[in-house]
Protein backbone atom coordinates (compact mmCIF):
# COMPACT_ATOMS: atom_id res chain seq x y z
CA MET A 1 -0.31 -8.45 -1.17
CA THR A 2 -3.11 -10.30 0.51
CA THR A 3 -0.67 -12.20 3.09
CA ALA A 4 1.27 -8.93 3.55
CA ARG A 5 -1.98 -6.93 4.39
CA THR A 6 -3.39 -9.60 6.48
CA THR A 7 -0.20 -9.47 8.61
CA ILE A 8 -0.36 -5.84 8.70
CA ALA A 9 -4.03 -5.96 9.80
CA ILE A 10 -3.28 -8.19 12.75
CA ALA A 11 -0.13 -6.22 13.88
CA LEU A 12 -2.11 -2.96 13.75
CA LEU A 13 -4.95 -4.70 15.83
CA ALA A 14 -2.25 -5.53 18.27
CA ALA A 15 -0.71 -2.02 18.30
CA ALA A 16 -3.95 -0.16 18.71
CA LEU A 17 -4.65 -2.16 21.83
CA GLY A 18 -1.02 -2.40 23.03
CA CYS A 19 -0.92 -6.19 22.87
CA ALA A 20 1.86 -8.25 21.53
CA SER A 21 2.39 -8.03 17.80
CA ALA A 22 1.74 -11.24 15.40
CA PRO A 23 4.52 -13.35 13.98
CA ALA A 24 6.55 -12.30 11.12
CA THR A 25 5.08 -13.23 7.60
CA PRO A 26 7.32 -12.26 4.47
CA ALA A 27 5.05 -10.11 1.94
CA PRO A 28 4.90 -11.50 -1.42
CA ARG A 29 5.93 -9.52 -4.29
CA PRO A 30 3.31 -8.25 -6.63
CA THR A 31 2.52 -10.65 -9.79
CA SER A 32 5.56 -10.46 -11.90
CA ALA A 33 4.16 -8.97 -14.77
CA GLN A 34 3.91 -5.66 -12.89
CA PRO A 35 6.71 -3.60 -13.96
CA VAL A 36 8.56 -1.55 -11.36
CA ALA A 37 9.19 1.43 -13.75
CA SER A 38 6.47 3.71 -14.98
CA ALA A 39 6.87 2.56 -18.54
CA PRO A 40 7.44 -0.90 -19.89
CA LYS A 41 10.91 -1.99 -20.37
CA SER A 42 12.49 -4.58 -22.55
CA ALA A 43 12.26 -8.09 -21.72
CA ALA A 44 15.61 -8.40 -23.61
CA LYS A 45 18.58 -6.22 -24.12
CA PRO A 46 19.65 -5.49 -27.70
CA ALA A 47 22.66 -7.77 -28.94
CA ALA A 48 26.03 -6.08 -28.98
CA LYS A 49 25.82 -6.11 -32.78
CA ALA A 50 22.49 -6.32 -34.53
CA ASP A 51 21.93 -9.14 -36.80
CA ALA A 52 20.59 -8.09 -40.30
CA ARG A 53 17.55 -10.21 -39.96
CA PRO A 54 15.15 -9.01 -37.45
CA GLU A 55 14.06 -12.48 -36.19
CA ALA A 56 17.91 -13.16 -35.34
CA ARG A 57 18.07 -9.99 -33.60
CA ALA A 58 15.16 -10.77 -31.31
CA ASP A 59 16.49 -14.31 -30.68
CA ALA A 60 19.94 -12.95 -29.46
CA ALA A 61 18.36 -10.22 -27.50
CA ALA A 62 15.95 -12.70 -25.63
CA ALA A 63 19.10 -14.94 -24.86
CA SER A 64 21.33 -12.02 -23.93
CA LYS A 65 19.10 -11.31 -20.83
CA SER A 66 16.10 -13.78 -20.67
CA GLY A 67 15.55 -13.09 -17.16
CA ALA A 68 14.81 -9.49 -16.99
CA LYS A 69 11.63 -8.05 -15.81
CA SER A 70 8.54 -8.57 -17.95
CA GLY A 71 7.93 -5.92 -20.74
CA PRO A 72 8.22 -5.40 -24.28
CA ALA A 73 11.43 -6.20 -26.46
CA ALA A 74 13.68 -3.66 -27.99
CA PRO A 75 12.97 -2.62 -31.59
CA ALA A 76 14.14 -5.33 -33.94
CA ALA A 77 16.85 -4.62 -36.43
CA ALA A 78 16.42 -3.87 -40.14
CA PRO A 79 13.88 -6.23 -41.77
CA GLU A 80 14.58 -8.58 -44.66
CA PRO A 81 16.11 -6.69 -47.73
CA ALA A 82 13.02 -7.86 -49.93
CA LEU A 83 11.26 -4.86 -48.24
CA PRO A 84 10.81 -1.76 -50.62
CA PRO A 85 13.63 0.73 -50.31
CA ARG A 86 11.56 3.47 -48.75
CA ALA A 87 10.28 0.91 -46.05
CA GLN A 88 13.79 -0.16 -45.51
CA ARG A 89 14.85 3.28 -44.90
CA LEU A 90 12.03 4.19 -42.52
CA PHE A 91 12.63 1.04 -40.50
CA GLU A 92 16.36 1.89 -40.04
CA GLU A 93 15.35 5.46 -39.24
CA ALA A 94 12.93 4.20 -36.38
CA VAL A 95 15.53 1.61 -35.14
CA ARG A 96 18.24 4.72 -34.91
CA ALA A 97 15.50 6.88 -33.12
CA ASP A 98 15.20 4.18 -30.47
CA GLU A 99 18.67 3.65 -30.13
CA GLU A 100 19.62 7.34 -29.91
CA GLN A 101 17.22 7.62 -26.99
CA ARG A 102 18.68 4.74 -25.21
CA LYS A 103 22.32 6.28 -25.66
CA LEU A 104 21.09 9.59 -24.45
CA LYS A 105 19.55 7.91 -21.22
CA VAL A 106 16.79 10.38 -21.47
CA PRO A 107 12.89 9.18 -20.89
CA THR A 108 11.71 7.26 -23.92
CA ASP A 109 9.41 9.44 -26.33
CA TRP A 110 6.93 6.59 -26.66
CA PRO A 111 4.59 8.68 -28.98
CA TYR A 112 7.40 9.86 -31.21
CA LEU A 113 8.47 6.18 -31.87
CA GLU A 114 4.84 5.13 -32.19
CA LYS A 115 4.80 7.76 -35.14
CA LYS A 116 7.75 6.20 -36.42
CA TRP A 117 6.87 2.71 -36.69
CA ARG A 118 3.18 3.70 -37.99
CA THR A 119 5.17 5.38 -40.89
CA VAL A 120 6.95 2.29 -41.49
CA LEU A 121 3.42 0.44 -41.73
CA THR A 122 2.18 2.75 -44.21
CA GLU A 123 4.86 1.46 -46.58
CA ALA A 124 4.98 -2.24 -45.65
CA ASP A 125 2.92 -4.75 -43.73
CA VAL A 126 6.19 -5.92 -41.40
CA ALA A 127 5.91 -8.22 -38.60
CA GLU A 128 8.65 -6.51 -36.61
CA ALA A 129 7.13 -3.13 -37.17
CA HIS A 130 3.86 -4.21 -35.65
CA HIS A 131 5.65 -5.62 -32.78
CA ASN A 132 7.54 -2.29 -32.24
CA LEU A 133 4.42 -0.49 -32.46
CA GLY A 134 2.97 -2.77 -29.92
CA VAL A 135 5.91 -1.99 -27.41
CA ALA A 136 5.34 1.85 -28.09
CA LEU A 137 1.58 1.49 -27.37
CA GLU A 138 1.95 -0.76 -24.33
CA ALA A 139 4.43 1.81 -22.83
CA GLN A 140 1.74 4.50 -23.09
CA GLY A 141 -0.88 2.14 -21.24
CA ARG A 142 -2.78 1.52 -24.37
CA LEU A 143 -2.94 -2.45 -23.84
CA GLY A 144 -5.80 -3.39 -25.98
CA GLU A 145 -4.17 -1.52 -29.20
CA ALA A 146 -0.74 -3.26 -28.07
CA ARG A 147 -2.38 -6.71 -27.82
CA ALA A 148 -3.77 -6.47 -31.37
CA GLU A 149 -0.18 -5.40 -32.79
CA TYR A 150 1.46 -8.16 -31.03
CA GLU A 151 -1.16 -10.56 -32.45
CA GLN A 152 -0.59 -9.40 -35.93
CA ALA A 153 3.04 -9.62 -35.58
CA ARG A 154 2.63 -13.29 -34.70
CA THR A 155 0.18 -13.86 -37.67
CA LEU A 156 2.76 -12.37 -39.90
CA LYS A 157 5.51 -14.07 -38.80
CA PRO A 158 4.80 -16.94 -36.34
CA SER A 159 8.59 -17.57 -35.79
CA LEU A 160 8.73 -13.91 -34.07
CA ARG A 161 9.29 -15.30 -30.60
CA GLN A 162 9.44 -12.02 -28.55
CA ALA A 163 5.99 -11.19 -29.93
CA SER A 164 4.48 -14.12 -28.39
CA VAL A 165 6.41 -13.73 -25.13
CA ASN A 166 5.08 -9.84 -25.03
CA LEU A 167 1.60 -10.93 -25.55
CA GLY A 168 1.93 -13.22 -22.57
CA VAL A 169 3.16 -10.34 -20.32
CA LEU A 170 0.55 -8.06 -21.50
CA LEU A 171 -2.19 -10.68 -20.65
CA GLU A 172 -0.61 -10.84 -17.10
CA LYS A 173 -0.94 -6.91 -16.86
CA GLN A 174 -4.69 -7.36 -17.74
CA GLY A 175 -5.06 -9.75 -15.03
CA ASP A 176 -5.73 -12.83 -17.08
CA ALA A 177 -3.25 -15.24 -15.71
CA GLY A 178 -4.95 -18.24 -17.38
CA ALA A 179 -4.67 -16.58 -20.94
CA ALA A 180 -0.99 -15.71 -20.26
CA ALA A 181 0.03 -19.23 -19.05
CA ALA A 182 -1.48 -20.66 -22.36
CA ALA A 183 0.61 -18.19 -24.37
CA TYR A 184 3.74 -19.17 -22.58
CA ALA A 185 3.07 -22.72 -22.86
CA GLN A 186 2.56 -22.23 -26.73
CA CYS A 187 6.04 -20.42 -26.80
CA VAL A 188 7.48 -23.36 -24.84
CA ARG A 189 6.07 -25.82 -27.47
CA ASP A 190 6.89 -23.54 -30.46
CA PHE A 191 10.40 -22.28 -29.13
CA PRO A 192 11.88 -25.33 -27.16
CA GLU A 193 15.21 -23.63 -26.60
CA ASP A 194 13.55 -20.35 -25.32
CA PRO A 195 14.36 -19.65 -21.71
CA VAL A 196 12.13 -16.63 -21.45
CA SER A 197 8.70 -18.27 -21.81
CA ARG A 198 9.76 -21.01 -19.44
CA VAL A 199 10.82 -18.30 -16.86
CA ARG A 200 7.49 -16.69 -17.06
CA LEU A 201 5.42 -19.67 -16.91
CA ALA A 202 7.41 -20.93 -13.90
CA ALA A 203 6.68 -17.59 -12.20
CA LEU A 204 2.98 -18.25 -12.67
CA TYR A 205 3.11 -21.77 -11.47
CA ARG A 206 4.77 -20.35 -8.28
CA GLU A 207 2.28 -17.80 -7.63
CA SER A 208 -0.29 -20.37 -8.00
CA GLY A 209 1.24 -22.67 -5.63
CA GLN A 210 2.49 -25.19 -7.85
CA LEU A 211 6.15 -25.08 -6.60
CA ASP A 212 7.48 -28.55 -8.23
CA ASP A 213 6.42 -27.31 -11.68
CA ALA A 214 7.79 -23.92 -11.03
CA TRP A 215 11.07 -25.23 -9.88
CA ARG A 216 11.33 -27.76 -12.89
CA LEU A 217 10.63 -25.04 -15.56
CA ALA A 218 13.12 -22.51 -14.11
CA ARG A 219 15.81 -25.42 -13.96
CA GLU A 220 15.07 -26.14 -17.61
CA ALA A 221 15.52 -22.28 -18.34
CA LEU A 222 18.90 -22.46 -16.60
CA VAL A 223 19.87 -25.35 -18.83
CA ARG A 224 19.18 -23.25 -21.91
CA GLU A 225 20.75 -20.17 -20.66
CA PRO A 226 22.90 -20.15 -17.42
CA ARG A 227 22.74 -16.47 -16.85
CA THR A 228 18.86 -16.33 -16.73
CA VAL A 229 18.40 -14.12 -13.67
CA GLY A 230 14.64 -14.64 -13.85
CA ALA A 231 14.95 -18.26 -13.27
CA TYR A 232 17.14 -17.83 -10.22
CA ARG A 233 14.42 -15.51 -8.79
CA VAL A 234 11.78 -18.10 -9.21
CA LEU A 235 14.01 -20.76 -7.53
CA ALA A 236 14.83 -18.40 -4.72
CA ARG A 237 11.17 -17.83 -4.22
CA VAL A 238 10.07 -21.40 -4.25
CA ALA A 239 12.99 -22.21 -1.73
CA LEU A 240 11.56 -19.49 0.55
CA GLN A 241 8.04 -20.68 0.05
CA LYS A 242 9.16 -24.17 1.37
CA ASN A 243 10.89 -22.47 4.27
CA GLU A 244 14.40 -23.75 2.66
CA LEU A 245 15.97 -20.62 3.95
CA ASP A 246 19.65 -21.25 3.38
CA LEU A 247 18.87 -22.47 0.16
CA ALA A 248 16.90 -19.40 -0.88
CA LYS A 249 19.62 -16.96 0.48
CA LEU A 250 22.25 -18.82 -1.62
CA ILE A 251 20.39 -18.62 -4.75
CA ALA A 252 19.54 -15.12 -4.33
CA MET A 253 23.18 -14.02 -3.50
CA ARG A 254 24.37 -16.10 -6.61
CA ALA A 255 21.95 -14.18 -8.79
CA GLN A 256 23.08 -10.88 -7.49
CA LYS A 257 26.50 -11.63 -8.93
CA LEU A 258 24.84 -11.82 -12.43
CA ASP A 259 22.59 -8.68 -11.87
CA ASP A 260 23.47 -6.37 -9.07
CA LYS A 261 20.77 -3.97 -10.10
CA ASP A 262 17.60 -6.22 -9.59
CA PRO A 263 15.68 -5.09 -6.26
CA GLU A 264 13.80 -8.26 -5.92
CA LEU A 265 17.05 -10.28 -5.13
CA PRO A 266 18.14 -8.29 -1.96
CA TRP A 267 14.48 -8.23 -1.01
CA VAL A 268 14.43 -12.14 -1.01
CA VAL A 269 17.71 -12.07 1.16
CA GLY A 270 16.06 -9.66 3.46
CA LEU A 271 13.05 -12.03 3.88
CA VAL A 272 15.27 -14.91 4.66
CA LEU A 273 17.16 -13.00 7.23
CA ALA A 274 14.18 -11.79 8.81
CA ARG A 275 12.69 -15.45 9.39
CA GLN A 276 16.12 -16.26 10.65
CA GLY A 277 15.77 -13.45 13.47
CA ASP A 278 18.29 -11.00 11.89
CA ASP A 279 16.18 -7.96 11.83
CA ALA A 280 18.89 -5.35 11.45
CA GLY A 281 20.42 -7.53 8.44
CA ALA A 282 16.83 -7.83 7.08
CA GLN A 283 16.46 -3.99 7.15
CA VAL A 284 19.86 -3.23 5.40
CA GLN A 285 18.70 -5.80 2.57
CA GLN A 286 15.15 -4.12 2.26
CA ARG A 287 16.77 -0.66 2.17
CA LYS A 288 19.22 -1.83 -0.37
CA ALA A 289 16.17 -2.90 -2.70
CA LEU A 290 14.66 0.43 -2.27
CA ALA A 291 18.04 2.13 -3.21
CA LEU A 292 18.05 0.11 -6.45
CA SER A 293 14.50 0.87 -7.10
CA GLU A 294 12.67 3.70 -5.11
CA GLY A 295 9.37 2.32 -6.23
CA PHE A 296 9.80 -1.28 -5.36
CA LEU A 297 6.67 -1.66 -3.12
CA PRO A 298 7.40 -5.30 -1.69
CA ALA A 299 10.61 -3.73 0.13
CA ARG A 300 8.26 -1.04 1.59
CA TYR A 301 5.69 -3.50 2.66
CA ALA A 302 8.53 -5.59 4.32
CA LEU A 303 9.75 -2.55 6.11
CA LEU A 304 6.30 -1.30 7.27
CA ASP A 305 5.37 -4.74 8.54
CA ALA A 306 8.64 -4.88 10.73
CA ALA A 307 8.09 -1.14 11.87
CA VAL A 308 4.53 -1.93 12.93
CA LYS A 309 5.37 -5.07 14.84
CA LYS A 310 8.20 -2.82 16.61
CA GLN A 311 5.76 -0.20 16.97
CA SER A 312 8.44 2.32 15.63
CA TRP A 313 5.67 4.97 14.71
CA GLY A 314 8.11 7.34 12.89
CA ALA A 315 9.11 4.42 10.40
CA VAL A 316 5.57 3.19 10.07
CA ALA A 317 4.58 6.86 9.11
CA GLU A 318 7.49 7.24 6.53
CA HIS A 319 6.79 3.77 4.61
CA ALA A 320 3.06 4.19 4.96
CA ALA A 321 3.17 7.60 3.41
CA ALA A 322 5.59 6.22 0.62
CA ILE A 323 3.12 3.36 -0.27
CA LEU A 324 0.16 5.74 -0.37
CA LYS A 325 1.67 7.83 -2.89
CA VAL A 326 1.27 4.81 -5.27
CA GLU A 327 -1.76 3.22 -3.76
CA PRO A 328 -3.85 6.07 -2.22
CA GLY A 329 -6.79 3.56 -1.83
CA ASN A 330 -5.20 0.92 0.13
CA ALA A 331 -7.20 0.59 3.43
CA GLN A 332 -4.60 -1.37 5.53
CA VAL A 333 -1.81 1.20 4.97
CA GLN A 334 -4.17 4.17 5.51
CA LEU A 335 -5.06 2.51 8.78
CA ALA A 336 -1.15 1.94 9.75
CA HIS A 337 -0.66 5.65 8.69
CA GLY A 338 -3.47 6.84 11.03
CA LEU A 339 -2.01 4.67 13.93
CA ALA A 340 1.43 6.37 13.30
CA LEU A 341 -0.02 9.65 13.46
CA ARG A 342 -1.89 8.95 16.59
CA TYR A 343 1.21 7.71 18.39
CA THR A 344 3.12 10.76 17.10
CA GLY A 345 0.77 13.34 18.82
CA LYS A 346 -1.40 13.98 15.86
CA PRO A 347 -4.89 12.76 16.89
CA ASP A 348 -7.09 14.91 14.63
CA GLU A 349 -5.14 13.92 11.53
CA ALA A 350 -5.13 10.21 12.67
CA LEU A 351 -8.90 10.28 12.66
CA ALA A 352 -9.01 11.67 9.03
CA ALA A 353 -6.64 8.81 8.26
CA TYR A 354 -9.25 6.47 9.67
CA ASP A 355 -11.96 7.84 7.79
CA ARG A 356 -9.94 7.49 4.58
CA ALA A 357 -9.32 3.95 5.34
CA GLU A 358 -12.98 3.16 6.10
CA LYS A 359 -13.91 4.78 3.02
CA ALA A 360 -11.29 2.85 0.83
CA ALA A 361 -12.64 -0.49 2.36
CA ASN A 362 -16.40 0.43 1.83
CA ASP A 363 -16.84 0.00 5.61
CA ARG A 364 -15.53 -3.45 5.63
CA LEU A 365 -12.21 -3.18 7.75
CA PRO A 366 -13.53 -3.48 11.40
CA GLU A 367 -10.21 -2.37 12.70
CA THR A 368 -11.14 1.20 11.67
CA HIS A 369 -13.66 1.34 14.26
CA LEU A 370 -11.50 -0.35 16.97
CA ALA A 371 -8.59 2.21 16.28
CA ARG A 372 -11.11 5.20 16.19
CA GLY A 373 -12.67 3.95 19.47
CA VAL A 374 -9.31 3.67 21.12
CA LEU A 375 -8.41 7.11 20.10
CA LEU A 376 -11.54 8.63 21.40
CA ALA A 377 -11.58 6.90 24.65
CA ARG A 378 -7.84 7.10 25.76
CA VAL A 379 -6.72 10.44 23.89
CA LYS A 380 -9.74 12.50 23.64
CA SER A 381 -11.66 11.02 26.50
CA GLU A 382 -14.87 10.87 24.66
CA CYS A 383 -16.16 7.77 25.87
CA GLU A 384 -19.68 7.91 24.29
CA PRO A 385 -18.68 7.98 20.64
CA ALA A 386 -15.86 5.75 21.64
CA LEU A 387 -18.30 3.08 23.06
CA GLN A 388 -20.47 3.22 19.70
CA GLU A 389 -17.17 2.71 17.59
CA LEU A 390 -16.24 -0.59 19.83
CA LYS A 391 -19.63 -2.02 19.46
CA LEU A 392 -19.42 -1.66 15.61
CA TYR A 393 -16.10 -3.22 15.68
CA THR A 394 -17.25 -6.12 17.90
CA ALA A 395 -20.37 -6.48 15.85
CA ARG A 396 -18.48 -6.78 12.56
CA SER A 397 -15.34 -8.64 13.53
CA GLY A 398 -16.92 -11.95 13.44
CA PRO A 399 -17.44 -14.28 16.36
CA LEU A 400 -17.73 -13.19 19.99
CA LEU A 401 -14.58 -11.88 21.58
CA PRO A 402 -13.27 -13.83 24.57
CA GLU A 403 -14.15 -12.47 27.98
CA GLY A 404 -10.60 -11.37 28.80
CA SER A 405 -9.82 -9.68 25.54
CA GLN A 406 -8.48 -6.05 25.33
CA VAL A 407 -11.68 -4.87 23.44
CA VAL A 408 -14.22 -6.26 26.05
CA LYS A 409 -11.96 -4.47 28.89
CA LEU A 410 -12.04 -1.20 26.98
CA GLN A 411 -15.58 -1.54 26.49
CA ARG A 412 -16.36 -1.98 30.17
CA GLU A 413 -13.96 0.95 31.03
CA CYS A 414 -15.91 3.02 28.71
CA GLU A 415 -19.44 1.96 30.18
CA SER A 416 -18.15 2.53 33.58
CA GLN A 417 -16.95 5.90 33.08
CA ILE A 418 -20.23 6.69 31.23
CA GLU A 419 -21.99 5.43 34.31
CA GLU A 420 -20.02 7.37 36.52
CA SER A 421 -20.57 10.49 34.61
CA ARG A 422 -24.10 9.98 34.64
CA LYS A 423 -24.17 9.74 38.24
CA ALA A 424 -22.02 12.92 38.60
CA ALA A 425 -24.48 14.82 36.38
CA GLU A 426 -27.56 13.65 38.28
CA ALA A 427 -25.54 14.58 41.67
CA ALA A 428 -24.69 18.03 40.29
CA LYS A 429 -28.32 18.44 38.98
CA GLN A 430 -29.44 17.47 42.43
CA MET A 431 -27.10 19.92 44.18
CA GLN A 432 -28.30 22.69 41.72
CA ALA A 433 -31.83 22.03 42.49
CA GLU A 434 -31.31 22.16 46.28
CA ALA A 435 -29.21 25.44 46.02
CA ALA A 436 -32.03 26.91 43.87
CA GLN A 437 -34.67 25.88 46.69
CA LYS A 438 -32.70 27.48 49.28
CA ALA A 439 -32.15 30.63 47.32
CA ALA A 440 -36.08 30.77 46.79
CA VAL A 441 -36.72 30.30 50.28
CA LYS A 442 -34.35 33.13 51.46
CA ALA A 443 -35.40 35.34 48.77
CA ALA A 444 -39.12 34.57 50.05
CA LYS A 445 -38.40 35.65 53.48
CA ASP A 446 -36.57 38.85 52.37
CA GLY A 447 -39.53 39.76 50.30
CA LYS A 448 -41.90 39.44 53.22
CA GLY A 449 -39.64 42.18 55.21
CA THR A 450 -40.21 44.93 52.75
CA THR A 451 -44.11 44.83 52.48
CA GLY A 452 -44.81 47.92 54.62
CA GLU A 453 -47.01 46.09 57.21
CA PRO A 454 -46.80 47.53 60.81
CA GLY A 455 -44.14 45.92 63.18
CA LYS A 456 -42.67 43.73 60.19
CA ASP A 457 -40.17 46.03 58.66
CA ALA A 458 -37.49 45.06 60.66
CA GLU A 459 -36.69 42.36 63.16
CA HIS A 460 -36.41 45.08 66.10
CA PRO A 461 -38.31 48.16 64.91
CA ALA A 462 -37.10 51.48 66.99
CA PRO A 463 -40.11 52.97 69.06
CA ALA A 464 -41.62 56.18 67.46
CA PRO A 465 -40.63 59.38 69.15
CA GLY A 466 -43.09 60.90 71.69
CA PRO A 467 -44.14 64.53 72.10
CA GLY A 468 -41.44 66.92 72.91
CA SER A 469 -38.47 64.48 71.86
CA ALA A 470 -35.57 65.87 70.54
CA PRO A 471 -34.82 64.92 66.92
CA ALA A 472 -32.25 61.99 66.53
CA THR A 473 -29.43 64.28 65.52
CA GLY A 474 -26.88 62.42 67.42
CA ALA A 475 -26.10 65.35 69.46
CA PRO A 476 -26.16 65.08 73.42
CA ASN A 477 -29.37 65.33 75.02
CA PRO A 478 -29.34 68.67 77.00
CA SER A 479 -32.28 67.50 79.14
CA ARG A 480 -29.71 64.56 80.73
């Protein structure tokens, strides 16, 4: 998601400052080995009627849906008749248990199936049982144990093609693309007619930028199985990366006729439409991808990117919250969520989101300081902490910003406001000092008028009454 996150970061920077958004860039899908569902699914559907030989069933299954998403294969059918009767019966019971769960369409009870396949292995060392035990272990996230079982299955039966393919898929999940490519290449050599390994290897070539090799391998897979949907996916993605938009759209739409449940196909069509300027049509396709698989994150990223560029903050909040349920440590999306909260009138929650983004990025995302500084300056009118955040942003964002940039302007606004506030505070302080001085002078004068000294008790003291004077009662003086 590096390209998608970079695009979102640029758009977020523009949104925080009110600038124009960055040009659209399609978000790549996560590596093809990452399953969309919570538990690994089969890379192949069981054949309509299982062959008595396990390797025949595995081959038929792989051919029936060689383009499916990565994951372990379905349990193989009953092993060779040479097995002891008890091992044969236990193997058939394990197959029936898996098939019953599939028919009921309930969540697969992987620990139960693990137990079933381990019981088979207590009776006989069967390659198919090791392979299917690896499937159950991989579904539970026990990748190291699953890898050991796949390798054991390959050792016991080198012709068990699906074990080799599943080993490559598991290596992809563990992040070892080089080892996975080697495993697929070995499958291509050992099983020249296998389309699955070619599709998986083509996907790895495409992700590494080797587009011509990816195209060649995908075409070879289609020659071996024309209904290989995974090969069409690779071809569509290669055409998209080469900016051959009409071709990419044509391939994706043709593949949808083969598999209308694959979310990646409408996602690719949506990316094509977005590049062609049809934003409304692109959103329809991305939402169609989400309807097929709610957890398909590439469609969420595409919708989030479009919403940020349009500054549709309600939609930004919706898609960012959905992504954060799966990737709570995604700093870019935390930042986007914070901006959406700020623009929807929740500044305190936005500051909390910026804190989470800063923590998730180990303080290596300068845009968090910019977003926090803008919020503090423009929403809370707290210029001093805002200026500190803006200085942190300029210090950590690389080269010096241009003279007319929005960040520089905002810094100067904050500095001007801080200076004005300082002057106003000094003026207020001076006024308070002058008022206090006047009050002290007045108090001093008032204090001197009550000391008891003769002639100083009042400004115009009344003369003292002489002898024979009548008391001042206020009554008329009879002498007058």
